[in-house]
Amino acid sequence: MEQSRTKRSDRVVFYATRLVMQSAQNVLIAALFVVSGRGSHVALGLSSLLLATLLPSLLFGFLGGAVVDRVGPARGFAVGAVLRLAAVAA
């Protein structure tokens, strides 16, 4: 009984964290579109932002999927968060 509560609690924490991170990412992308949509070169700014947003997903999506399949979703999520932090901090 106690183990089932722990699993349920872990699942709630996992999905709550995922929801918060996804929401923050979406707000950041919306803000970037607003900022890049201002100025004299709107088309260049928006297309550059779209390209910069899509390329990492295409390049690292397959690798990330393979890692998550290998280590499991919770650990894969944690590893991805650490790698994103390292990329941003660099």
PDB file of N, CA and C in Angstrom:
ATOM      1  N   MET A   1       0.830  -1.195   0.000  1.00  0.00           N
ATOM      2  CA  MET A   1       0.000   0.000   0.000  1.00  0.00           C
ATOM      3  C   MET A   1       0.878   1.264   0.000  1.00  0.00           C
ATOM      4  N   GLU A   2       1.906   1.244   0.854  1.00  0.00           N
ATOM      5  CA  GLU A   2       2.788   2.411   0.960  1.00  0.00           C
ATOM      6  C   GLU A   2       3.576   2.625  -0.324  1.00  0.00           C
ATOM      7  N   GLN A   3       3.979   1.515  -0.958  1.00  0.00           N
ATOM      8  CA  GLN A   3       4.738   1.636  -2.202  1.00  0.00           C
ATOM      9  C   GLN A   3       3.867   2.226  -3.310  1.00  0.00           C
ATOM     10  N   SER A   4       2.599   1.890  -3.329  1.00  0.00           N
ATOM     11  CA  SER A   4       1.692   2.452  -4.334  1.00  0.00           C
ATOM     12  C   SER A   4       1.514   3.959  -4.135  1.00  0.00           C
ATOM     13  N   ARG A   5       1.471   4.412  -2.896  1.00  0.00           N
ATOM     14  CA  ARG A   5       1.393   5.860  -2.623  1.00  0.00           C
ATOM     15  C   ARG A   5       2.658   6.569  -3.068  1.00  0.00           C
ATOM     16  N   THR A   6       3.801   5.940  -2.826  1.00  0.00           N
ATOM     17  CA  THR A   6       5.075   6.533  -3.230  1.00  0.00           C
ATOM     18  C   THR A   6       5.148   6.650  -4.739  1.00  0.00           C
ATOM     19  N   LYS A   7       4.734   5.631  -5.441  1.00  0.00           N
ATOM     20  CA  LYS A   7       4.738   5.676  -6.902  1.00  0.00           C
ATOM     21  C   LYS A   7       3.789   6.763  -7.406  1.00  0.00           C
ATOM     22  N   ARG A   8       2.626   6.861  -6.801  1.00  0.00           N
ATOM     23  CA  ARG A   8       1.662   7.880  -7.194  1.00  0.00           C
ATOM     24  C   ARG A   8       2.215   9.273  -6.911  1.00  0.00           C
ATOM     25  N   SER A   9       2.856   9.432  -5.767  1.00  0.00           N
ATOM     26  CA  SER A   9       3.455  10.715  -5.416  1.00  0.00           C
ATOM     27  C   SER A   9       4.576  11.080  -6.382  1.00  0.00           C
ATOM     28  N   ASP A  10       5.414  10.106  -6.726  1.00  0.00           N
ATOM     29  CA  ASP A  10       6.488  10.355  -7.697  1.00  0.00           C
ATOM     30  C   ASP A  10       5.920  10.757  -9.051  1.00  0.00           C
ATOM     31  N   ARG A  11       4.856  10.115  -9.455  1.00  0.00           N
ATOM     32  CA  ARG A  11       4.238  10.422 -10.738  1.00  0.00           C
ATOM     33  C   ARG A  11       3.645  11.836 -10.736  1.00  0.00           C
ATOM     34  N   VAL A  12       3.033  12.223  -9.634  1.00  0.00           N
ATOM     35  CA  VAL A  12       2.464  13.568  -9.530  1.00  0.00           C
ATOM     36  C   VAL A  12       3.572  14.620  -9.594  1.00  0.00           C
ATOM     37  N   VAL A  13       4.656  14.390  -8.882  1.00  0.00           N
ATOM     38  CA  VAL A  13       5.790  15.325  -8.911  1.00  0.00           C
ATOM     39  C   VAL A  13       6.382  15.400 -10.312  1.00  0.00           C
ATOM     40  N   PHE A  14       6.532  14.268 -10.973  1.00  0.00           N
ATOM     41  CA  PHE A  14       7.085  14.229 -12.326  1.00  0.00           C
ATOM     42  C   PHE A  14       6.229  15.048 -13.291  1.00  0.00           C
ATOM     43  N   TYR A  15       4.925  14.808 -13.294  1.00  0.00           N
ATOM     44  CA  TYR A  15       4.068  15.511 -14.238  1.00  0.00           C
ATOM     45  C   TYR A  15       3.879  16.985 -13.876  1.00  0.00           C
ATOM     46  N   ALA A  16       3.895  17.313 -12.586  1.00  0.00           N
ATOM     47  CA  ALA A  16       3.803  18.722 -12.188  1.00  0.00           C
ATOM     48  C   ALA A  16       5.050  19.481 -12.634  1.00  0.00           C
ATOM     49  N   THR A  17       6.205  18.880 -12.455  1.00  0.00           N
ATOM     50  CA  THR A  17       7.452  19.503 -12.897  1.00  0.00           C
ATOM     51  C   THR A  17       7.471  19.663 -14.402  1.00  0.00           C
ATOM     52  N   ARG A  18       7.010  18.647 -15.090  1.00  0.00           N
ATOM     53  CA  ARG A  18       6.958  18.711 -16.553  1.00  0.00           C
ATOM     54  C   ARG A  18       6.013  19.810 -17.028  1.00  0.00           C
ATOM     55  N   LEU A  19       4.880  19.955 -16.364  1.00  0.00           N
ATOM     56  CA  LEU A  19       3.918  21.005 -16.712  1.00  0.00           C
ATOM     57  C   LEU A  19       4.518  22.391 -16.507  1.00  0.00           C
ATOM     58  N   VAL A  20       5.190  22.597 -15.391  1.00  0.00           N
ATOM     59  CA  VAL A  20       5.802  23.895 -15.109  1.00  0.00           C
ATOM     60  C   VAL A  20       6.891  24.212 -16.126  1.00  0.00           C
ATOM     61  N   MET A  21       7.741  23.240 -16.432  1.00  0.00           N
ATOM     62  CA  MET A  21       8.824  23.487 -17.390  1.00  0.00           C
ATOM     63  C   MET A  21       8.289  23.744 -18.793  1.00  0.00           C
ATOM     64  N   GLN A  22       7.260  23.003 -19.207  1.00  0.00           N
ATOM     65  CA  GLN A  22       6.694  23.204 -20.532  1.00  0.00           C
ATOM     66  C   GLN A  22       6.005  24.561 -20.623  1.00  0.00           C
ATOM     67  N   SER A  23       5.322  24.959 -19.563  1.00  0.00           N
ATOM     68  CA  SER A  23       4.658  26.272 -19.554  1.00  0.00           C
ATOM     69  C   SER A  23       5.685  27.396 -19.631  1.00  0.00           C
ATOM     70  N   ALA A  24       6.754  27.272 -18.877  1.00  0.00           N
ATOM     71  CA  ALA A  24       7.801  28.297 -18.911  1.00  0.00           C
ATOM     72  C   ALA A  24       8.448  28.367 -20.285  1.00  0.00           C
ATOM     73  N   GLN A  25       8.665  27.238 -20.904  1.00  0.00           N
ATOM     74  CA  GLN A  25       9.256  27.219 -22.238  1.00  0.00           C
ATOM     75  C   GLN A  25       8.320  27.885 -23.249  1.00  0.00           C
ATOM     76  N   ASN A  26       7.033  27.628 -23.147  1.00  0.00           N
ATOM     77  CA  ASN A  26       6.079  28.236 -24.072  1.00  0.00           C
ATOM     78  C   ASN A  26       5.993  29.744 -23.883  1.00  0.00           C
ATOM     79  N   VAL A  27       6.052  30.207 -22.650  1.00  0.00           N
ATOM     80  CA  VAL A  27       6.042  31.651 -22.400  1.00  0.00           C
ATOM     81  C   VAL A  27       7.306  32.292 -22.962  1.00  0.00           C
ATOM     82  N   LEU A  28       8.438  31.635 -22.797  1.00  0.00           N
ATOM     83  CA  LEU A  28       9.689  32.152 -23.345  1.00  0.00           C
ATOM     84  C   LEU A  28       9.630  32.239 -24.865  1.00  0.00           C
ATOM     85  N   ILE A  29       9.118  31.224 -25.509  1.00  0.00           N
ATOM     86  CA  ILE A  29       9.018  31.244 -26.974  1.00  0.00           C
ATOM     87  C   ILE A  29       8.074  32.337 -27.431  1.00  0.00           C
ATOM     88  N   ALA A  30       6.940  32.511 -26.750  1.00  0.00           N
ATOM     89  CA  ALA A  30       6.012  33.582 -27.111  1.00  0.00           C
ATOM     90  C   ALA A  30       6.673  34.946 -26.948  1.00  0.00           C
ATOM     91  N   ALA A  31       7.426  35.138 -25.878  1.00  0.00           N
ATOM     92  CA  ALA A  31       8.123  36.410 -25.673  1.00  0.00           C
ATOM     93  C   ALA A  31       9.174  36.643 -26.755  1.00  0.00           C
ATOM     94  N   LEU A  32       9.870  35.597 -27.165  1.00  0.00           N
ATOM     95  CA  LEU A  32      10.855  35.740 -28.231  1.00  0.00           C
ATOM     96  C   LEU A  32      10.192  36.125 -29.547  1.00  0.00           C
ATOM     97  N   PHE A  33       9.038  35.557 -29.838  1.00  0.00           N
ATOM     98  CA  PHE A  33       8.323  35.937 -31.054  1.00  0.00           C
ATOM     99  C   PHE A  33       7.873  37.393 -31.006  1.00  0.00           C
ATOM    100  N   VAL A  34       7.439  37.844 -29.845  1.00  0.00           N
ATOM    101  CA  VAL A  34       7.021  39.245 -29.717  1.00  0.00           C
ATOM    102  C   VAL A  34       8.216  40.173 -29.913  1.00  0.00           C
ATOM    103  N   VAL A  35       9.338  39.845 -29.294  1.00  0.00           N
ATOM    104  CA  VAL A  35      10.531  40.691 -29.406  1.00  0.00           C
ATOM    105  C   VAL A  35      11.083  40.676 -30.832  1.00  0.00           C
ATOM    106  N   SER A  36      11.131  39.501 -31.456  1.00  0.00           N
ATOM    107  CA  SER A  36      11.683  39.437 -32.805  1.00  0.00           C
ATOM    108  C   SER A  36      10.728  40.002 -33.843  1.00  0.00           C
ATOM    109  N   GLY A  37       9.465  40.141 -33.508  1.00  0.00           N
ATOM    110  CA  GLY A  37       8.488  40.708 -34.434  1.00  0.00           C
ATOM    111  C   GLY A  37       8.509  42.216 -34.480  1.00  0.00           C
ATOM    112  N   ARG A  38       9.271  42.831 -33.636  1.00  0.00           N
ATOM    113  CA  ARG A  38       9.408  44.286 -33.634  1.00  0.00           C
ATOM    114  C   ARG A  38      10.658  44.666 -34.411  1.00  0.00           C
ATOM    115  N   GLY A  39      10.662  45.827 -34.996  1.00  0.00           N
ATOM    116  CA  GLY A  39      11.855  46.307 -35.671  1.00  0.00           C
ATOM    117  C   GLY A  39      11.663  46.395 -37.174  1.00  0.00           C
ATOM    118  N   SER A  40      12.758  46.670 -37.847  1.00  0.00           N
ATOM    119  CA  SER A  40      12.677  46.930 -39.280  1.00  0.00           C
ATOM    120  C   SER A  40      12.817  45.662 -40.119  1.00  0.00           C
ATOM    121  N   HIS A  41      13.368  44.592 -39.569  1.00  0.00           N
ATOM    122  CA  HIS A  41      13.555  43.355 -40.324  1.00  0.00           C
ATOM    123  C   HIS A  41      12.719  42.240 -39.698  1.00  0.00           C
ATOM    124  N   VAL A  42      11.408  42.411 -39.751  1.00  0.00           N
ATOM    125  CA  VAL A  42      10.509  41.487 -39.070  1.00  0.00           C
ATOM    126  C   VAL A  42      10.591  40.079 -39.666  1.00  0.00           C
ATOM    127  N   ALA A  43      10.570  39.969 -40.992  1.00  0.00           N
ATOM    128  CA  ALA A  43      10.575  38.648 -41.625  1.00  0.00           C
ATOM    129  C   ALA A  43      11.861  37.891 -41.312  1.00  0.00           C
ATOM    130  N   LEU A  44      12.973  38.569 -41.359  1.00  0.00           N
ATOM    131  CA  LEU A  44      14.250  37.920 -41.056  1.00  0.00           C
ATOM    132  C   LEU A  44      14.308  37.489 -39.591  1.00  0.00           C
ATOM    133  N   GLY A  45      13.838  38.343 -38.698  1.00  0.00           N
ATOM    134  CA  GLY A  45      13.852  38.010 -37.270  1.00  0.00           C
ATOM    135  C   GLY A  45      12.973  36.822 -36.949  1.00  0.00           C
ATOM    136  N   LEU A  46      11.759  36.791 -37.500  1.00  0.00           N
ATOM    137  CA  LEU A  46      10.840  35.694 -37.210  1.00  0.00           C
ATOM    138  C   LEU A  46      11.301  34.382 -37.841  1.00  0.00           C
ATOM    139  N   SER A  47      11.801  34.447 -39.071  1.00  0.00           N
ATOM    140  CA  SER A  47      12.256  33.203 -39.699  1.00  0.00           C
ATOM    141  C   SER A  47      13.520  32.678 -39.021  1.00  0.00           C
ATOM    142  N   SER A  48      14.396  33.550 -38.578  1.00  0.00           N
ATOM    143  CA  SER A  48      15.596  33.112 -37.846  1.00  0.00           C
ATOM    144  C   SER A  48      15.218  32.473 -36.520  1.00  0.00           C
ATOM    145  N   LEU A  49      14.245  33.053 -35.840  1.00  0.00           N
ATOM    146  CA  LEU A  49      13.795  32.492 -34.566  1.00  0.00           C
ATOM    147  C   LEU A  49      13.149  31.132 -34.780  1.00  0.00           C
ATOM    148  N   LEU A  50      12.345  31.001 -35.820  1.00  0.00           N
ATOM    149  CA  LEU A  50      11.717  29.719 -36.102  1.00  0.00           C
ATOM    150  C   LEU A  50      12.772  28.659 -36.416  1.00  0.00           C
ATOM    151  N   LEU A  51      13.747  29.003 -37.199  1.00  0.00           N
ATOM    152  CA  LEU A  51      14.824  28.071 -37.532  1.00  0.00           C
ATOM    153  C   LEU A  51      15.623  27.695 -36.284  1.00  0.00           C
ATOM    154  N   ALA A  52      15.935  28.675 -35.457  1.00  0.00           N
ATOM    155  CA  ALA A  52      16.689  28.409 -34.228  1.00  0.00           C
ATOM    156  C   ALA A  52      15.881  27.571 -33.243  1.00  0.00           C
ATOM    157  N   THR A  53      14.563  27.651 -33.326  1.00  0.00           N
ATOM    158  CA  THR A  53      13.714  26.858 -32.444  1.00  0.00           C
ATOM    159  C   THR A  53      13.594  25.417 -32.941  1.00  0.00           C
ATOM    160  N   LEU A  54      13.527  25.228 -34.245  1.00  0.00           N
ATOM    161  CA  LEU A  54      13.301  23.892 -34.791  1.00  0.00           C
ATOM    162  C   LEU A  54      14.568  23.047 -34.920  1.00  0.00           C
ATOM    163  N   LEU A  55      15.687  23.666 -35.241  1.00  0.00           N
ATOM    164  CA  LEU A  55      16.906  22.885 -35.486  1.00  0.00           C
ATOM    165  C   LEU A  55      17.353  22.019 -34.304  1.00  0.00           C
ATOM    166  N   PRO A  56      17.395  22.548 -33.081  1.00  0.00           N
ATOM    167  CA  PRO A  56      17.816  21.667 -31.975  1.00  0.00           C
ATOM    168  C   PRO A  56      16.879  20.477 -31.778  1.00  0.00           C
ATOM    169  N   SER A  57      15.586  20.679 -31.993  1.00  0.00           N
ATOM    170  CA  SER A  57      14.648  19.559 -31.853  1.00  0.00           C
ATOM    171  C   SER A  57      14.931  18.485 -32.890  1.00  0.00           C
ATOM    172  N   LEU A  58      15.208  18.915 -34.105  1.00  0.00           N
ATOM    173  CA  LEU A  58      15.505  17.943 -35.160  1.00  0.00           C
ATOM    174  C   LEU A  58      16.841  17.252 -34.930  1.00  0.00           C
ATOM    175  N   LEU A  59      17.830  18.002 -34.476  1.00  0.00           N
ATOM    176  CA  LEU A  59      19.160  17.429 -34.293  1.00  0.00           C
ATOM    177  C   LEU A  59      19.253  16.508 -33.076  1.00  0.00           C
ATOM    178  N   PHE A  60      18.644  16.920 -31.973  1.00  0.00           N
ATOM    179  CA  PHE A  60      18.807  16.183 -30.719  1.00  0.00           C
ATOM    180  C   PHE A  60      17.595  15.357 -30.318  1.00  0.00           C
ATOM    181  N   GLY A  61      16.507  15.428 -31.071  1.00  0.00           N
ATOM    182  CA  GLY A  61      15.291  14.699 -30.720  1.00  0.00           C
ATOM    183  C   GLY A  61      15.468  13.191 -30.742  1.00  0.00           C
ATOM    184  N   PHE A  62      16.117  12.687 -31.781  1.00  0.00           N
ATOM    185  CA  PHE A  62      16.317  11.242 -31.879  1.00  0.00           C
ATOM    186  C   PHE A  62      17.262  10.742 -30.796  1.00  0.00           C
ATOM    187  N   LEU A  63      18.322  11.478 -30.540  1.00  0.00           N
ATOM    188  CA  LEU A  63      19.263  11.093 -29.490  1.00  0.00           C
ATOM    189  C   LEU A  63      18.575  11.113 -28.123  1.00  0.00           C
ATOM    190  N   GLY A  64      17.807  12.163 -27.859  1.00  0.00           N
ATOM    191  CA  GLY A  64      17.089  12.253 -26.586  1.00  0.00           C
ATOM    192  C   GLY A  64      16.080  11.136 -26.422  1.00  0.00           C
ATOM    193  N   GLY A  65      15.389  10.787 -27.504  1.00  0.00           N
ATOM    194  CA  GLY A  65      14.429   9.686 -27.445  1.00  0.00           C
ATOM    195  C   GLY A  65      15.109   8.363 -27.142  1.00  0.00           C
ATOM    196  N   ALA A  66      16.263   8.151 -27.723  1.00  0.00           N
ATOM    197  CA  ALA A  66      17.001   6.921 -27.454  1.00  0.00           C
ATOM    198  C   ALA A  66      17.462   6.858 -25.997  1.00  0.00           C
ATOM    199  N   VAL A  67      17.902   7.988 -25.465  1.00  0.00           N
ATOM    200  CA  VAL A  67      18.335   8.025 -24.063  1.00  0.00           C
ATOM    201  C   VAL A  67      17.161   7.743 -23.136  1.00  0.00           C
ATOM    202  N   VAL A  68      16.012   8.354 -23.415  1.00  0.00           N
ATOM    203  CA  VAL A  68      14.837   8.147 -22.560  1.00  0.00           C
ATOM    204  C   VAL A  68      14.366   6.701 -22.641  1.00  0.00           C
ATOM    205  N   ASP A  69      14.400   6.113 -23.828  1.00  0.00           N
ATOM    206  CA  ASP A  69      14.023   4.707 -23.942  1.00  0.00           C
ATOM    207  C   ASP A  69      14.967   3.813 -23.150  1.00  0.00           C
ATOM    208  N   ARG A  70      16.207   4.199 -23.069  1.00  0.00           N
ATOM    209  CA  ARG A  70      17.217   3.382 -22.389  1.00  0.00           C
ATOM    210  C   ARG A  70      17.134   3.514 -20.863  1.00  0.00           C
ATOM    211  N   VAL A  71      16.988   4.750 -20.349  1.00  0.00           N
ATOM    212  CA  VAL A  71      17.062   4.969 -18.897  1.00  0.00           C
ATOM    213  C   VAL A  71      15.703   5.152 -18.228  1.00  0.00           C
ATOM    214  N   GLY A  72      14.642   5.313 -19.001  1.00  0.00           N
ATOM    215  CA  GLY A  72      13.313   5.514 -18.425  1.00  0.00           C
ATOM    216  C   GLY A  72      12.921   6.979 -18.449  1.00  0.00           C
ATOM    217  N   PRO A  73      11.608   7.260 -18.403  1.00  0.00           N
ATOM    218  CA  PRO A  73      11.151   8.643 -18.564  1.00  0.00           C
ATOM    219  C   PRO A  73      11.569   9.596 -17.439  1.00  0.00           C
ATOM    220  N   ALA A  74      11.523   9.143 -16.201  1.00  0.00           N
ATOM    221  CA  ALA A  74      11.866  10.052 -15.091  1.00  0.00           C
ATOM    222  C   ALA A  74      13.346  10.423 -15.117  1.00  0.00           C
ATOM    223  N   ARG A  75      14.206   9.433 -15.276  1.00  0.00           N
ATOM    224  CA  ARG A  75      15.645   9.718 -15.343  1.00  0.00           C
ATOM    225  C   ARG A  75      15.998  10.487 -16.606  1.00  0.00           C
ATOM    226  N   GLY A  76      15.337  10.153 -17.711  1.00  0.00           N
ATOM    227  CA  GLY A  76      15.580  10.878 -18.960  1.00  0.00           C
ATOM    228  C   GLY A  76      15.192  12.337 -18.841  1.00  0.00           C
ATOM    229  N   PHE A  77      14.094  12.594 -18.159  1.00  0.00           N
ATOM    230  CA  PHE A  77      13.666  13.966 -17.919  1.00  0.00           C
ATOM    231  C   PHE A  77      14.692  14.707 -17.071  1.00  0.00           C
ATOM    232  N   ALA A  78      15.198  14.050 -16.042  1.00  0.00           N
ATOM    233  CA  ALA A  78      16.198  14.677 -15.173  1.00  0.00           C
ATOM    234  C   ALA A  78      17.506  14.923 -15.920  1.00  0.00           C
ATOM    235  N   VAL A  79      17.937  13.947 -16.707  1.00  0.00           N
ATOM    236  CA  VAL A  79      19.171  14.111 -17.484  1.00  0.00           C
ATOM    237  C   VAL A  79      19.010  15.251 -18.489  1.00  0.00           C
ATOM    238  N   GLY A  80      17.849  15.323 -19.148  1.00  0.00           N
ATOM    239  CA  GLY A  80      17.588  16.405 -20.098  1.00  0.00           C
ATOM    240  C   GLY A  80      17.606  17.765 -19.438  1.00  0.00           C
ATOM    241  N   ALA A  81      17.037  17.852 -18.242  1.00  0.00           N
ATOM    242  CA  ALA A  81      17.028  19.124 -17.527  1.00  0.00           C
ATOM    243  C   ALA A  81      18.448  19.555 -17.157  1.00  0.00           C
ATOM    244  N   VAL A  82      19.264  18.605 -16.723  1.00  0.00           N
ATOM    245  CA  VAL A  82      20.652  18.921 -16.370  1.00  0.00           C
ATOM    246  C   VAL A  82      21.432  19.349 -17.616  1.00  0.00           C
ATOM    247  N   LEU A  83      21.227  18.665 -18.728  1.00  0.00           N
ATOM    248  CA  LEU A  83      21.933  19.032 -19.955  1.00  0.00           C
ATOM    249  C   LEU A  83      21.494  20.401 -20.470  1.00  0.00           C
ATOM    250  N   ARG A  84      20.199  20.714 -20.352  1.00  0.00           N
ATOM    251  CA  ARG A  84      19.738  22.054 -20.745  1.00  0.00           C
ATOM    252  C   ARG A  84      20.338  23.122 -19.849  1.00  0.00           C
ATOM    253  N   LEU A  85      20.424  22.834 -18.554  1.00  0.00           N
ATOM    254  CA  LEU A  85      21.038  23.795 -17.628  1.00  0.00           C
ATOM    255  C   LEU A  85      22.505  24.005 -17.974  1.00  0.00           C
ATOM    256  N   ALA A  86      23.198  22.928 -18.294  1.00  0.00           N
ATOM    257  CA  ALA A  86      24.608  23.051 -18.661  1.00  0.00           C
ATOM    258  C   ALA A  86      24.781  23.861 -19.942  1.00  0.00           C
ATOM    259  N   ALA A  87      23.889  23.658 -20.898  1.00  0.00           N
ATOM    260  CA  ALA A  87      23.976  24.406 -22.170  1.00  0.00           C
ATOM    261  C   ALA A  87      23.698  25.888 -21.960  1.00  0.00           C
ATOM    262  N   VAL A  88      22.730  26.189 -21.099  1.00  0.00           N
ATOM    263  CA  VAL A  88      22.398  27.587 -20.846  1.00  0.00           C
ATOM    264  C   VAL A  88      23.478  28.268 -20.017  1.00  0.00           C
ATOM    265  N   ALA A  89      24.054  27.539 -19.062  1.00  0.00           N
ATOM    266  CA  ALA A  89      25.067  28.118 -18.180  1.00  0.00           C
ATOM    267  C   ALA A  89      26.405  28.328 -18.891  1.00  0.00           C
ATOM    268  N   ALA A  90      26.631  27.583 -19.969  1.00  0.00           N
ATOM    269  CA  ALA A  90      27.923  27.682 -20.671  1.00  0.00           C
ATOM    270  C   ALA A  90      28.089  28.984 -21.401  1.00  0.00           C
TER     271      ALA A  90
END
